[in-house]
C-alpha atoms as a PDB file:
ATOM      1  CA  MET A   1     170.109 140.980 189.946  1.00  0.00           C
ATOM      2  CA  ILE A   2     172.855 141.714 187.489  1.00  0.00           C
ATOM      3  CA  TRP A   3     170.381 143.153 185.003  1.00  0.00           C
ATOM      4  CA  ARG A   4     169.638 145.975 187.427  1.00  0.00           C
ATOM      5  CA  ARG A   5     173.300 146.952 187.524  1.00  0.00           C
ATOM      6  CA  LEU A   6     173.701 147.100 183.764  1.00  0.00           C
ATOM      7  CA  LYS A   7     173.309 150.588 182.423  1.00  0.00           C
ATOM      8  CA  LYS A   8     171.748 151.371 179.099  1.00  0.00           C
ATOM      9  CA  ALA A   9     173.998 152.813 176.448  1.00  0.00           C
ATOM     10  CA  ASP A  10     174.167 156.580 176.296  1.00  0.00           C
ATOM     11  CA  PRO A  11     173.326 157.658 172.717  1.00  0.00           C
ATOM     12  CA  LYS A  12     175.860 160.507 172.896  1.00  0.00           C
ATOM     13  CA  LYS A  13     178.704 158.214 173.970  1.00  0.00           C
ATOM     14  CA  GLU A  14     177.675 155.582 171.433  1.00  0.00           C
ATOM     15  CA  LYS A  15     177.731 158.149 168.623  1.00  0.00           C
ATOM     16  CA  GLU A  16     181.129 159.415 169.786  1.00  0.00           C
ATOM     17  CA  PHE A  17     182.480 155.850 169.862  1.00  0.00           C
ATOM     18  CA  LYS A  18     181.262 155.160 166.320  1.00  0.00           C
ATOM     19  CA  GLU A  19     182.842 158.384 165.058  1.00  0.00           C
ATOM     20  CA  ASN A  20     186.167 157.509 166.671  1.00  0.00           C
ATOM     21  CA  LEU A  21     185.986 154.020 165.205  1.00  0.00           C
ATOM     22  CA  GLU A  22     185.410 155.414 161.720  1.00  0.00           C
ATOM     23  CA  LYS A  23     188.344 157.824 162.086  1.00  0.00           C
ATOM     24  CA  GLU A  24     190.757 155.015 162.872  1.00  0.00           C
ATOM     25  CA  ASN A  25     191.888 153.156 159.800  1.00  0.00           C
ATOM     26  CA  VAL A  26     192.106 149.491 160.681  1.00  0.00           C
ATOM     27  CA  GLY A  27     194.124 147.874 157.930  1.00  0.00           C
ATOM     28  CA  VAL A  28     194.256 144.303 156.760  1.00  0.00           C
ATOM     29  CA  LYS A  29     197.464 143.675 158.706  1.00  0.00           C
ATOM     30  CA  ASP A  30     195.823 144.838 161.917  1.00  0.00           C
ATOM     31  CA  PHE A  31     192.839 142.593 161.263  1.00  0.00           C
ATOM     32  CA  VAL A  32     195.086 139.575 160.641  1.00  0.00           C
ATOM     33  CA  ALA A  33     197.009 140.349 163.831  1.00  0.00           C
ATOM     34  CA  LEU A  34     193.732 140.582 165.730  1.00  0.00           C
ATOM     35  CA  LEU A  35     192.532 137.205 164.460  1.00  0.00           C
ATOM     36  CA  THR A  36     195.903 135.563 165.107  1.00  0.00           C
ATOM     37  CA  SER A  37     196.077 136.817 168.670  1.00  0.00           C
ATOM     38  CA  ALA A  38     192.462 135.745 169.280  1.00  0.00           C
ATOM     39  CA  PHE A  39     193.339 132.284 168.007  1.00  0.00           C
ATOM     40  CA  PHE A  40     196.333 131.909 170.319  1.00  0.00           C
ATOM     41  CA  VAL A  41     194.647 133.463 173.348  1.00  0.00           C
ATOM     42  CA  LEU A  42     191.109 132.047 173.141  1.00  0.00           C
ATOM     43  CA  ILE A  43     190.617 129.258 170.645  1.00  0.00           C
ATOM     44  CA  LEU A  44     193.823 127.233 171.041  1.00  0.00           C
ATOM     45  CA  PRO A  45     193.632 126.946 174.856  1.00  0.00           C
ATOM     46  CA  CYS A  46     189.967 125.927 174.641  1.00  0.00           C
ATOM     47  CA  ILE A  47     190.789 123.209 172.130  1.00  0.00           C
ATOM     48  CA  LEU A  48     193.675 121.964 174.275  1.00  0.00           C
ATOM     49  CA  ILE A  49     191.591 121.919 177.464  1.00  0.00           C
ATOM     50  CA  LEU A  50     188.674 120.118 175.816  1.00  0.00           C
ATOM     51  CA  GLY A  51     191.058 117.659 174.187  1.00  0.00           C
ATOM     52  CA  GLY A  52     192.749 117.007 177.535  1.00  0.00           C
ATOM     53  CA  ILE A  53     189.412 116.431 179.246  1.00  0.00           C
ATOM     54  CA  GLY A  54     188.407 114.081 176.436  1.00  0.00           C
ATOM     55  CA  LEU A  55     191.627 112.115 176.712  1.00  0.00           C
ATOM     56  CA  LEU A  56     191.281 111.945 180.490  1.00  0.00           C
ATOM     57  CA  LEU A  57     187.751 110.576 180.200  1.00  0.00           C
ATOM     58  CA  MET A  58     188.838 108.064 177.575  1.00  0.00           C
ATOM     59  CA  TRP A  59     191.666 106.942 179.869  1.00  0.00           C
ATOM     60  CA  LEU A  60     189.337 106.683 182.876  1.00  0.00           C
ATOM     61  CA  PHE A  61     186.806 104.583 181.009  1.00  0.00           C
ATOM     62  CA  GLY A  62     189.431 102.373 179.408  1.00  0.00           C
ATOM     63  CA  ALA A  63     189.032 103.470 175.809  1.00  0.00           C
ATOM     64  CA  ILE A  64     192.760 104.159 175.527  1.00  0.00           C
END
């Protein structure tokens, strides 16, 4: 169902995207900022949620 809705990449747009990406100079500071924001937005909440679920299960089954 969803596979029918997905469109294949247009080679012209893909080439244009790669050229624009090469023109932009992404420095080390930008890369560090990207990784830091990904950590705080994605990884840290996942760890906290999984840890909370683990603690809840331990509490329910009497391990704590």
